[in-house]
């Protein structure tokens, strides 16, 4: 069954900043013989057959501290860089410089992160750092 998530980050429900429940959906209930986890980063469940929707959102208590978020950035960017290089993706100076700025602008303005207050700003900034870190790690692997 598909379920929306309500994300609690830094002690508060994040309603915008690209963490909206309607954008953050995952399969949480499935018959073991009909589904499996795939991916190294942002793993997802893939199932055979139809997927229903649960009525209520799952409350997801994520990062309580910036330290936890920075640890996630390091772990996930390491995995994602490795995965992208294995798939043949090349380092790009354009993506190194434009990607983080673009990500910040989309989260903070287009996805209304400013409505999440200081948390929206910090989350938008930290996700820009994630994308910068990712491209630096891709660069390191391409040397």
N, C-alpha and C. Protein backbone atom coordinates (compact mmCIF):
# COMPACT_ATOMS: atom_id res chain seq x y z
N UNK A 1 0.84 -1.18 0.00
CA UNK A 1 0.00 0.00 0.00
C UNK A 1 0.89 1.25 0.00
N UNK A 2 0.53 2.19 -0.85
CA UNK A 2 1.19 3.49 -0.89
C UNK A 2 0.78 4.31 0.31
N UNK A 3 1.72 5.03 0.87
CA UNK A 3 1.38 5.88 1.99
C UNK A 3 2.16 7.17 1.91
N UNK A 4 1.46 8.26 2.11
CA UNK A 4 2.11 9.56 2.21
C UNK A 4 2.88 9.61 3.51
N UNK A 5 3.91 10.47 3.52
CA UNK A 5 4.67 10.67 4.76
C UNK A 5 4.56 12.12 5.21
N UNK A 6 4.41 12.29 6.50
CA UNK A 6 4.55 13.61 7.10
C UNK A 6 5.90 13.59 7.80
N UNK A 7 6.78 14.48 7.38
CA UNK A 7 8.15 14.47 7.87
C UNK A 7 8.35 15.49 8.98
N UNK A 8 8.85 14.99 10.11
CA UNK A 8 9.21 15.86 11.24
C UNK A 8 10.73 16.02 11.17
N UNK A 9 11.19 17.23 10.91
CA UNK A 9 12.62 17.50 10.80
C UNK A 9 12.95 18.68 11.69
N UNK A 10 14.01 18.54 12.46
CA UNK A 10 14.42 19.56 13.44
C UNK A 10 13.26 19.91 14.37
N UNK A 11 12.47 18.87 14.72
CA UNK A 11 11.42 19.03 15.72
C UNK A 11 10.11 19.61 15.23
N UNK A 12 9.92 19.77 13.93
CA UNK A 12 8.68 20.37 13.43
C UNK A 12 8.24 19.69 12.13
N UNK A 13 6.93 19.64 11.93
CA UNK A 13 6.38 19.11 10.68
C UNK A 13 6.80 20.02 9.53
N UNK A 14 7.40 19.44 8.51
CA UNK A 14 7.82 20.19 7.32
C UNK A 14 6.72 20.02 6.28
N UNK A 15 6.06 21.12 5.95
CA UNK A 15 4.92 21.06 5.03
C UNK A 15 5.31 21.38 3.60
N UNK A 16 6.48 21.95 3.40
CA UNK A 16 6.90 22.39 2.07
C UNK A 16 8.34 21.93 1.82
N UNK A 17 9.17 22.73 1.19
CA UNK A 17 10.61 22.48 1.00
C UNK A 17 10.90 21.15 0.31
N UNK A 18 9.94 20.63 -0.47
CA UNK A 18 10.07 19.36 -1.21
C UNK A 18 9.93 18.14 -0.28
N UNK A 19 9.36 18.35 0.90
CA UNK A 19 9.05 17.25 1.81
C UNK A 19 7.54 17.15 2.04
N UNK A 20 6.74 17.71 1.14
CA UNK A 20 5.30 17.66 1.29
C UNK A 20 4.82 16.22 1.24
N UNK A 21 3.80 15.90 2.04
CA UNK A 21 3.28 14.52 2.03
C UNK A 21 2.88 14.04 0.64
N UNK A 22 2.29 14.93 -0.17
CA UNK A 22 1.84 14.48 -1.50
C UNK A 22 3.01 14.20 -2.45
N UNK A 23 4.21 14.71 -2.14
CA UNK A 23 5.38 14.42 -2.96
C UNK A 23 6.23 13.29 -2.39
N UNK A 24 6.04 13.00 -1.12
CA UNK A 24 6.86 12.00 -0.43
C UNK A 24 6.01 10.76 -0.16
N UNK A 25 5.89 9.90 -1.16
CA UNK A 25 5.07 8.69 -1.05
C UNK A 25 5.96 7.47 -1.19
N UNK A 26 5.67 6.49 -0.37
CA UNK A 26 6.45 5.25 -0.41
C UNK A 26 5.53 4.07 -0.16
N UNK A 27 5.96 2.92 -0.64
CA UNK A 27 5.24 1.68 -0.37
C UNK A 27 5.76 1.14 0.96
N UNK A 28 4.86 0.97 1.91
CA UNK A 28 5.26 0.48 3.23
C UNK A 28 4.66 -0.87 3.57
N UNK A 29 3.57 -1.23 2.95
CA UNK A 29 2.94 -2.53 3.22
C UNK A 29 2.85 -3.30 1.91
N UNK A 30 3.43 -4.49 1.89
CA UNK A 30 3.37 -5.31 0.69
C UNK A 30 3.54 -6.77 1.07
N UNK A 31 3.02 -7.63 0.21
CA UNK A 31 3.17 -9.06 0.40
C UNK A 31 4.61 -9.41 0.07
N UNK A 32 5.29 -10.06 0.99
CA UNK A 32 6.72 -10.35 0.85
C UNK A 32 7.07 -11.02 -0.47
N UNK A 33 6.22 -11.91 -0.94
CA UNK A 33 6.51 -12.64 -2.18
C UNK A 33 6.26 -11.80 -3.43
N UNK A 34 5.66 -10.61 -3.28
CA UNK A 34 5.30 -9.79 -4.44
C UNK A 34 6.14 -8.51 -4.57
N UNK A 35 7.06 -8.26 -3.64
CA UNK A 35 7.83 -7.03 -3.72
C UNK A 35 9.25 -7.18 -3.21
N UNK A 36 10.08 -6.20 -3.59
CA UNK A 36 11.46 -6.23 -3.11
C UNK A 36 12.03 -4.81 -3.10
N UNK A 37 13.04 -4.60 -2.26
CA UNK A 37 13.74 -3.32 -2.18
C UNK A 37 14.73 -3.23 -3.34
N UNK A 38 14.82 -2.06 -3.96
CA UNK A 38 15.82 -1.83 -5.00
C UNK A 38 16.53 -0.50 -4.74
N UNK A 39 17.76 -0.40 -5.23
CA UNK A 39 18.51 0.85 -5.13
C UNK A 39 19.46 0.87 -3.95
N UNK A 40 20.53 1.65 -4.11
CA UNK A 40 21.50 1.84 -3.03
C UNK A 40 21.21 3.12 -2.26
N UNK A 41 20.69 4.09 -2.95
CA UNK A 41 20.38 5.39 -2.35
C UNK A 41 18.89 5.64 -2.54
N UNK A 42 18.21 6.10 -1.51
CA UNK A 42 16.77 6.34 -1.57
C UNK A 42 16.06 5.09 -2.07
N UNK A 43 16.30 3.99 -1.40
CA UNK A 43 15.76 2.70 -1.77
C UNK A 43 14.23 2.78 -1.86
N UNK A 44 13.69 2.00 -2.75
CA UNK A 44 12.25 1.94 -2.95
C UNK A 44 11.83 0.48 -3.04
N UNK A 45 10.59 0.24 -2.71
CA UNK A 45 10.01 -1.08 -2.87
C UNK A 45 9.32 -1.13 -4.23
N UNK A 46 9.60 -2.17 -4.99
CA UNK A 46 8.93 -2.41 -6.27
C UNK A 46 8.09 -3.66 -6.08
N UNK A 47 6.83 -3.58 -6.49
CA UNK A 47 5.93 -4.72 -6.31
C UNK A 47 5.33 -5.15 -7.64
N UNK A 48 4.94 -6.42 -7.70
CA UNK A 48 4.19 -6.94 -8.83
C UNK A 48 2.72 -6.69 -8.54
N UNK A 49 2.01 -6.15 -9.49
CA UNK A 49 0.57 -5.96 -9.31
C UNK A 49 0.19 -4.55 -8.91
N UNK A 50 -1.06 -4.39 -8.54
CA UNK A 50 -1.61 -3.09 -8.19
C UNK A 50 -1.11 -2.62 -6.83
N UNK A 51 -1.10 -1.30 -6.68
CA UNK A 51 -0.72 -0.70 -5.41
C UNK A 51 -1.87 0.19 -4.96
N UNK A 52 -2.34 -0.03 -3.75
CA UNK A 52 -3.41 0.79 -3.20
C UNK A 52 -2.84 1.97 -2.43
N UNK A 53 -3.72 2.76 -1.85
CA UNK A 53 -3.31 3.92 -1.06
C UNK A 53 -3.92 3.82 0.33
N UNK A 54 -3.11 4.10 1.33
CA UNK A 54 -3.63 4.19 2.69
C UNK A 54 -4.22 5.58 2.88
N UNK A 55 -5.21 5.68 3.73
CA UNK A 55 -5.92 6.94 3.93
C UNK A 55 -5.06 7.98 4.65
N UNK A 56 -4.35 7.58 5.66
CA UNK A 56 -3.60 8.53 6.48
C UNK A 56 -2.11 8.48 6.19
N UNK A 57 -1.44 9.57 6.50
CA UNK A 57 0.01 9.67 6.27
C UNK A 57 0.78 9.02 7.42
N UNK A 58 1.93 8.51 7.08
CA UNK A 58 2.87 7.98 8.08
C UNK A 58 3.65 9.17 8.66
N UNK A 59 3.79 9.22 9.96
CA UNK A 59 4.58 10.26 10.60
C UNK A 59 6.02 9.76 10.62
N UNK A 60 6.91 10.48 9.95
CA UNK A 60 8.31 10.08 9.84
C UNK A 60 9.18 11.08 10.60
N UNK A 61 9.71 10.65 11.73
CA UNK A 61 10.61 11.50 12.51
C UNK A 61 12.00 11.35 11.93
N UNK A 62 12.42 12.35 11.20
CA UNK A 62 13.73 12.29 10.58
C UNK A 62 14.74 13.04 11.42
N UNK A 63 15.55 13.80 10.82
CA UNK A 63 16.71 14.43 11.43
C UNK A 63 16.32 15.38 12.57
N UNK A 64 16.84 15.08 13.76
CA UNK A 64 16.60 15.95 14.90
C UNK A 64 17.65 17.05 14.98
N UNK A 65 18.83 16.78 14.44
CA UNK A 65 19.93 17.75 14.53
C UNK A 65 20.58 17.94 13.16
N UNK A 66 21.27 19.05 13.01
CA UNK A 66 22.03 19.31 11.80
C UNK A 66 23.12 18.25 11.64
N UNK A 67 23.71 17.81 12.75
CA UNK A 67 24.74 16.77 12.71
C UNK A 67 24.20 15.50 12.04
N UNK A 68 22.98 15.08 12.39
CA UNK A 68 22.37 13.92 11.77
C UNK A 68 22.20 14.15 10.27
N UNK A 69 21.78 15.35 9.89
CA UNK A 69 21.57 15.67 8.48
C UNK A 69 22.90 15.64 7.73
N UNK A 70 23.94 16.20 8.33
CA UNK A 70 25.27 16.20 7.70
C UNK A 70 25.82 14.78 7.56
N UNK A 71 25.54 13.93 8.53
CA UNK A 71 25.94 12.52 8.42
C UNK A 71 25.23 11.86 7.24
N UNK A 72 23.93 12.17 7.07
CA UNK A 72 23.18 11.63 5.94
C UNK A 72 23.80 12.12 4.63
N UNK A 73 24.13 13.41 4.55
CA UNK A 73 24.74 13.96 3.34
C UNK A 73 25.99 13.19 2.99
N UNK A 74 26.83 12.92 3.96
CA UNK A 74 28.07 12.20 3.70
C UNK A 74 27.80 10.78 3.23
N UNK A 75 26.92 10.06 3.93
CA UNK A 75 26.61 8.66 3.58
C UNK A 75 25.96 8.56 2.20
N UNK A 76 24.89 9.32 2.00
CA UNK A 76 24.14 9.20 0.76
C UNK A 76 24.91 9.72 -0.44
N UNK A 77 25.67 10.80 -0.28
CA UNK A 77 26.44 11.32 -1.41
C UNK A 77 27.53 10.33 -1.80
N UNK A 78 28.09 9.62 -0.84
CA UNK A 78 29.09 8.58 -1.12
C UNK A 78 28.47 7.47 -1.97
N UNK A 79 27.32 6.98 -1.55
CA UNK A 79 26.63 5.91 -2.28
C UNK A 79 26.18 6.37 -3.65
N UNK A 80 25.60 7.57 -3.71
CA UNK A 80 25.07 8.06 -4.98
C UNK A 80 26.20 8.36 -5.98
N UNK A 81 27.31 8.92 -5.50
CA UNK A 81 28.45 9.19 -6.38
C UNK A 81 28.97 7.88 -6.96
N UNK A 82 29.11 6.88 -6.13
CA UNK A 82 29.59 5.57 -6.58
C UNK A 82 28.66 4.99 -7.63
N UNK A 83 27.37 5.07 -7.36
CA UNK A 83 26.36 4.54 -8.27
C UNK A 83 26.39 5.29 -9.62
N UNK A 84 26.49 6.59 -9.58
CA UNK A 84 26.50 7.38 -10.83
C UNK A 84 27.75 7.10 -11.66
N UNK A 85 28.90 7.01 -11.01
CA UNK A 85 30.14 6.73 -11.73
C UNK A 85 30.09 5.35 -12.37
N UNK A 86 29.55 4.37 -11.63
CA UNK A 86 29.40 3.02 -12.19
C UNK A 86 28.52 3.01 -13.43
N UNK A 87 27.52 3.90 -13.45
CA UNK A 87 26.62 3.99 -14.60
C UNK A 87 27.21 4.84 -15.72
N UNK A 88 28.43 5.35 -15.52
CA UNK A 88 29.10 6.09 -16.58
C UNK A 88 28.93 7.60 -16.56
N UNK A 89 28.32 8.12 -15.50
CA UNK A 89 28.14 9.58 -15.46
C UNK A 89 29.48 10.26 -15.25
N UNK A 90 29.71 11.32 -16.00
CA UNK A 90 30.97 12.07 -15.95
C UNK A 90 30.80 13.33 -15.11
N UNK A 91 31.91 13.77 -14.55
CA UNK A 91 31.93 15.01 -13.78
C UNK A 91 31.60 16.18 -14.69
N UNK A 92 30.88 17.17 -14.16
CA UNK A 92 30.50 18.35 -14.92
C UNK A 92 30.69 19.59 -14.05
N UNK A 93 31.52 20.52 -14.52
CA UNK A 93 31.68 21.78 -13.79
C UNK A 93 30.36 22.55 -13.75
N UNK A 94 29.61 22.48 -14.84
CA UNK A 94 28.33 23.17 -14.89
C UNK A 94 27.41 22.65 -13.78
N UNK A 95 27.30 21.33 -13.66
CA UNK A 95 26.44 20.75 -12.63
C UNK A 95 26.99 21.00 -11.23
N UNK A 96 28.30 21.06 -11.10
CA UNK A 96 28.92 21.37 -9.80
C UNK A 96 28.49 22.75 -9.31
N UNK A 97 28.45 23.73 -10.22
CA UNK A 97 28.12 25.10 -9.82
C UNK A 97 26.64 25.41 -9.90
N UNK A 98 25.97 24.93 -10.92
CA UNK A 98 24.56 25.27 -11.12
C UNK A 98 23.63 24.36 -10.31
N UNK A 99 23.96 23.08 -10.20
CA UNK A 99 23.10 22.12 -9.52
C UNK A 99 22.70 22.51 -8.10
N UNK A 100 23.67 22.85 -7.24
CA UNK A 100 23.30 23.23 -5.87
C UNK A 100 22.44 24.50 -5.81
N UNK A 101 22.76 25.47 -6.64
CA UNK A 101 21.99 26.73 -6.65
C UNK A 101 20.57 26.45 -7.12
N UNK A 102 20.46 25.68 -8.20
CA UNK A 102 19.15 25.31 -8.73
C UNK A 102 18.33 24.58 -7.68
N UNK A 103 18.96 23.61 -7.00
CA UNK A 103 18.26 22.83 -5.98
C UNK A 103 17.75 23.72 -4.86
N UNK A 104 18.60 24.65 -4.40
CA UNK A 104 18.18 25.58 -3.35
C UNK A 104 16.98 26.39 -3.81
N UNK A 105 17.06 26.98 -5.00
CA UNK A 105 15.99 27.85 -5.50
C UNK A 105 14.68 27.09 -5.66
N UNK A 106 14.75 25.86 -6.18
CA UNK A 106 13.53 25.06 -6.34
C UNK A 106 12.90 24.77 -4.98
N UNK A 107 13.71 24.33 -4.02
CA UNK A 107 13.17 23.99 -2.71
C UNK A 107 12.64 25.21 -1.96
N UNK A 108 13.42 26.27 -1.96
CA UNK A 108 13.06 27.42 -1.12
C UNK A 108 11.96 28.28 -1.75
N UNK A 109 11.97 28.45 -3.06
CA UNK A 109 10.98 29.31 -3.68
C UNK A 109 9.86 28.52 -4.36
N UNK A 110 10.19 27.67 -5.33
CA UNK A 110 9.17 26.94 -6.08
C UNK A 110 8.38 25.98 -5.18
N UNK A 111 9.05 25.27 -4.29
CA UNK A 111 8.39 24.34 -3.37
C UNK A 111 8.03 25.02 -2.04
N UNK A 112 8.10 26.34 -2.02
CA UNK A 112 7.60 27.18 -0.91
C UNK A 112 8.28 26.91 0.43
N UNK A 113 9.56 26.56 0.39
CA UNK A 113 10.29 26.28 1.61
C UNK A 113 10.28 27.43 2.61
N UNK A 114 10.18 28.65 2.10
CA UNK A 114 10.14 29.81 3.00
C UNK A 114 8.94 29.75 3.96
N UNK A 115 7.89 29.01 3.59
CA UNK A 115 6.74 28.85 4.47
C UNK A 115 7.04 27.93 5.65
N UNK A 116 8.13 27.17 5.57
CA UNK A 116 8.56 26.34 6.70
C UNK A 116 9.49 27.12 7.64
N UNK A 117 9.60 28.43 7.43
CA UNK A 117 10.41 29.27 8.31
C UNK A 117 11.90 28.98 8.18
N UNK A 118 12.60 29.14 9.30
CA UNK A 118 14.05 28.94 9.26
C UNK A 118 14.41 27.51 8.87
N UNK A 119 13.55 26.56 9.23
CA UNK A 119 13.82 25.16 8.86
C UNK A 119 13.81 24.99 7.34
N UNK A 120 12.90 25.66 6.66
CA UNK A 120 12.85 25.60 5.21
C UNK A 120 14.11 26.15 4.58
N UNK A 121 14.61 27.25 5.14
CA UNK A 121 15.85 27.83 4.63
C UNK A 121 17.02 26.87 4.86
N UNK A 122 17.14 26.36 6.08
CA UNK A 122 18.25 25.46 6.42
C UNK A 122 18.18 24.18 5.60
N UNK A 123 16.99 23.60 5.44
CA UNK A 123 16.86 22.38 4.65
C UNK A 123 17.20 22.63 3.18
N UNK A 124 16.77 23.76 2.64
CA UNK A 124 17.10 24.10 1.25
C UNK A 124 18.61 24.26 1.10
N UNK A 125 19.22 24.92 2.05
CA UNK A 125 20.67 25.13 2.04
C UNK A 125 21.42 23.79 2.16
N UNK A 126 20.99 22.97 3.10
CA UNK A 126 21.67 21.68 3.31
C UNK A 126 21.51 20.76 2.10
N UNK A 127 20.38 20.80 1.43
CA UNK A 127 20.22 19.98 0.23
C UNK A 127 21.07 20.52 -0.92
N UNK A 128 21.30 21.82 -0.94
CA UNK A 128 22.24 22.38 -1.93
C UNK A 128 23.65 21.86 -1.61
N UNK A 129 23.99 21.80 -0.33
CA UNK A 129 25.29 21.26 0.08
C UNK A 129 25.39 19.78 -0.32
N UNK A 130 24.28 19.05 -0.18
CA UNK A 130 24.27 17.65 -0.61
C UNK A 130 24.67 17.54 -2.08
N UNK A 131 24.06 18.35 -2.93
CA UNK A 131 24.34 18.28 -4.37
C UNK A 131 25.76 18.74 -4.69
N UNK A 132 26.25 19.72 -3.98
CA UNK A 132 27.64 20.15 -4.15
C UNK A 132 28.59 19.01 -3.75
N UNK A 133 28.33 18.40 -2.61
CA UNK A 133 29.15 17.30 -2.11
C UNK A 133 29.12 16.13 -3.08
N UNK A 134 27.96 15.82 -3.61
CA UNK A 134 27.81 14.74 -4.58
C UNK A 134 28.72 14.97 -5.79
N UNK A 135 28.71 16.18 -6.35
CA UNK A 135 29.51 16.45 -7.54
C UNK A 135 31.01 16.47 -7.24
N UNK A 136 31.37 16.91 -6.04
CA UNK A 136 32.79 16.86 -5.66
C UNK A 136 33.24 15.40 -5.56
N UNK A 137 32.39 14.54 -5.01
CA UNK A 137 32.74 13.12 -4.90
C UNK A 137 32.78 12.45 -6.27
N UNK A 138 31.94 12.86 -7.18
CA UNK A 138 32.02 12.34 -8.55
C UNK A 138 33.33 12.80 -9.17
N UNK A 139 33.73 14.04 -8.95
CA UNK A 139 34.99 14.56 -9.44
C UNK A 139 36.17 13.73 -8.88
N UNK A 140 36.13 13.45 -7.57
CA UNK A 140 37.19 12.66 -6.94
C UNK A 140 37.33 11.30 -7.61
N UNK A 141 36.23 10.67 -7.94
CA UNK A 141 36.27 9.34 -8.55
C UNK A 141 36.70 9.39 -10.01
N UNK A 142 36.59 10.55 -10.63
CA UNK A 142 36.95 10.64 -12.05
C UNK A 142 38.42 10.96 -12.27
N UNK A 143 39.17 11.21 -11.21
CA UNK A 143 40.60 11.55 -11.35
C UNK A 143 41.40 10.30 -11.67
